[in-house]
Amino acid sequence: MRRLAFRFSLAVALVALAAVHSPAWAQIETGRISGTVSDTSGALVPGATVSAKSVNTGFTRETVSDTNGAYVIANVSADTYEVTFTLTGFRTAARRVNVSVGSTAAVDIRLEVGALTEQVSVVAVPEAIDTRTGEFR
């Protein structure tokens, strides 16, 4: 009987020791940035590029807003981020946000319609003419 009690006590001690020295499984070391992108009328804007750049390290993560204008940038380190929103036909917008460990920083944005700009470059190369014969080369 003593032998059984000793083995049981030893097994409990080993399990307790293993539990004390194992890493914390649910430990969270990151946060996230999420929100919605809409226009000035309140209509949701899908397809906007959302970029979050750490002010301190320069680390950048990027995503695109979904069909409901929603976006999530997950697993970012606790830091201050410059969040930039771009989409053709709208003015680029930026917001600064602080992300804490285990939290979600909400950044909802309303993009203003911008002017579409187009640049056309015309490059012409004159044809070479042989000055002796007057023919094109």
Protein backbone atom coordinates (compact mmCIF):
# COMPACT_ATOMS: atom_id res chain seq x y z
CA MET A 1 0.00 0.00 0.00
CA ARG A 2 2.84 2.36 0.81
CA ARG A 3 4.41 1.65 -2.52
CA LEU A 4 1.21 2.63 -4.36
CA ALA A 5 0.90 5.85 -2.36
CA PHE A 6 4.55 6.67 -3.09
CA ARG A 7 4.08 6.13 -6.83
CA PHE A 8 0.92 8.25 -6.84
CA SER A 9 2.68 11.06 -4.95
CA LEU A 10 5.62 10.89 -7.33
CA ALA A 11 3.34 11.06 -10.37
CA VAL A 12 1.48 14.09 -8.96
CA ALA A 13 4.79 15.82 -8.17
CA LEU A 14 6.09 15.25 -11.72
CA VAL A 15 2.89 16.57 -13.30
CA ALA A 16 2.98 19.65 -11.04
CA LEU A 17 6.64 20.26 -11.86
CA ALA A 18 5.97 19.97 -15.59
CA ALA A 19 3.03 22.39 -15.34
CA VAL A 20 5.10 24.99 -13.47
CA HIS A 21 7.93 24.95 -16.02
CA SER A 22 5.87 24.86 -19.21
CA PRO A 23 5.27 28.08 -21.19
CA ALA A 24 1.95 29.86 -20.83
CA TRP A 25 -0.12 28.64 -23.77
CA ALA A 26 -2.61 31.50 -23.90
CA GLN A 27 -0.13 34.32 -23.55
CA ILE A 28 -0.86 37.09 -26.07
CA GLU A 29 1.93 39.40 -27.19
CA THR A 30 0.26 41.20 -30.10
CA GLY A 31 -2.74 43.34 -30.91
CA ARG A 32 -4.67 44.17 -34.05
CA ILE A 33 -6.06 47.05 -36.07
CA SER A 34 -9.52 46.83 -37.60
CA GLY A 35 -12.32 48.99 -38.89
CA THR A 36 -14.40 49.93 -41.91
CA VAL A 37 -13.74 52.07 -44.95
CA SER A 38 -16.57 54.20 -46.31
CA ASP A 39 -16.99 57.29 -48.46
CA THR A 40 -18.32 60.68 -47.35
CA SER A 41 -21.91 59.58 -48.06
CA GLY A 42 -21.49 56.60 -45.71
CA ALA A 43 -21.40 53.98 -48.48
CA LEU A 44 -19.01 51.11 -47.72
CA VAL A 45 -15.87 51.00 -49.85
CA PRO A 46 -14.49 47.58 -50.84
CA GLY A 47 -11.03 47.13 -52.32
CA ALA A 48 -9.24 49.91 -50.43
CA THR A 49 -5.62 49.16 -49.58
CA VAL A 50 -4.97 49.55 -45.86
CA SER A 51 -1.34 49.77 -44.77
CA ALA A 52 -0.10 49.95 -41.16
CA LYS A 53 3.48 51.10 -40.67
CA SER A 54 5.17 51.09 -37.26
CA VAL A 55 6.38 54.59 -36.41
CA ASN A 56 9.31 53.19 -34.40
CA THR A 57 10.53 50.22 -36.45
CA GLY A 58 9.20 50.82 -39.97
CA PHE A 59 7.59 47.35 -39.99
CA THR A 60 4.64 47.39 -42.41
CA ARG A 61 1.59 45.15 -42.79
CA GLU A 62 -0.99 45.55 -45.54
CA THR A 63 -4.48 44.28 -46.35
CA VAL A 64 -7.47 45.16 -48.53
CA SER A 65 -10.98 46.04 -47.34
CA ASP A 66 -13.56 43.32 -48.08
CA THR A 67 -16.93 43.64 -49.85
CA ASN A 68 -18.39 45.18 -46.67
CA GLY A 69 -15.59 47.76 -46.40
CA ALA A 70 -14.17 45.92 -43.37
CA TYR A 71 -10.50 45.17 -42.79
CA VAL A 72 -8.36 43.53 -40.09
CA ILE A 73 -4.61 43.67 -39.65
CA ALA A 74 -3.89 41.03 -37.02
CA ASN A 75 -0.80 40.06 -35.04
CA VAL A 76 0.92 43.44 -34.88
CA SER A 77 3.30 44.24 -32.05
CA ALA A 78 2.31 46.81 -29.46
CA ASP A 79 3.44 50.13 -30.97
CA THR A 80 2.26 53.32 -32.65
CA TYR A 81 1.20 52.82 -36.28
CA GLU A 82 0.54 55.15 -39.20
CA VAL A 83 -2.47 53.60 -40.96
CA THR A 84 -2.86 54.69 -44.60
CA PHE A 85 -5.91 54.11 -46.80
CA THR A 86 -5.63 54.30 -50.60
CA LEU A 87 -7.97 53.60 -53.50
CA THR A 88 -8.06 54.95 -57.03
CA GLY A 89 -10.59 57.77 -57.32
CA PHE A 90 -10.28 58.73 -53.63
CA ARG A 91 -7.89 60.94 -51.72
CA THR A 92 -5.36 59.05 -49.62
CA ALA A 93 -6.14 59.26 -45.90
CA ALA A 94 -3.94 58.47 -42.89
CA ARG A 95 -4.50 58.07 -39.16
CA ARG A 96 -2.09 57.40 -36.30
CA VAL A 97 -3.12 54.75 -33.77
CA ASN A 98 -1.63 53.10 -30.68
CA VAL A 99 -1.88 49.31 -30.47
CA SER A 100 -1.70 47.62 -27.06
CA VAL A 101 -1.03 43.97 -26.27
CA GLY A 102 -4.19 41.89 -26.53
CA SER A 103 -6.38 44.74 -27.76
CA THR A 104 -7.97 45.90 -30.99
CA ALA A 105 -7.40 49.46 -32.17
CA ALA A 106 -10.48 50.55 -34.15
CA VAL A 107 -9.85 52.87 -37.09
CA ASP A 108 -12.93 53.68 -39.17
CA ILE A 109 -12.28 56.04 -42.08
CA ARG A 110 -14.34 58.06 -44.56
CA LEU A 111 -12.51 58.57 -47.83
CA GLU A 112 -13.11 61.74 -49.82
CA VAL A 113 -13.58 61.50 -53.57
CA GLY A 114 -10.49 62.76 -55.35
CA ALA A 115 -9.81 63.92 -58.86
CA LEU A 116 -8.74 61.25 -61.28
CA THR A 117 -5.46 62.25 -62.79
CA GLU A 118 -4.07 60.83 -65.94
CA GLN A 119 -0.73 61.47 -67.51
CA VAL A 120 0.00 60.83 -71.16
CA SER A 121 3.56 60.93 -72.45
CA VAL A 122 4.22 61.12 -76.16
CA VAL A 123 7.67 60.27 -77.33
CA ALA A 124 8.54 60.79 -80.99
CA VAL A 125 11.75 59.76 -82.62
CA PRO A 126 12.48 61.51 -85.89
CA GLU A 127 13.33 59.26 -88.75
CA ALA A 128 16.86 59.48 -90.02
CA ILE A 129 17.29 60.77 -93.57
CA ASP A 130 20.34 60.02 -95.64
CA THR A 131 21.49 63.49 -96.71
CA ARG A 132 23.26 62.14 -99.81
CA THR A 133 20.30 60.26 -101.27
CA GLY A 134 17.29 61.85 -99.51
CA GLU A 135 15.98 58.44 -98.48
CA PHE A 136 14.84 57.34 -95.01
CA ARG A 137 17.15 55.02 -93.17
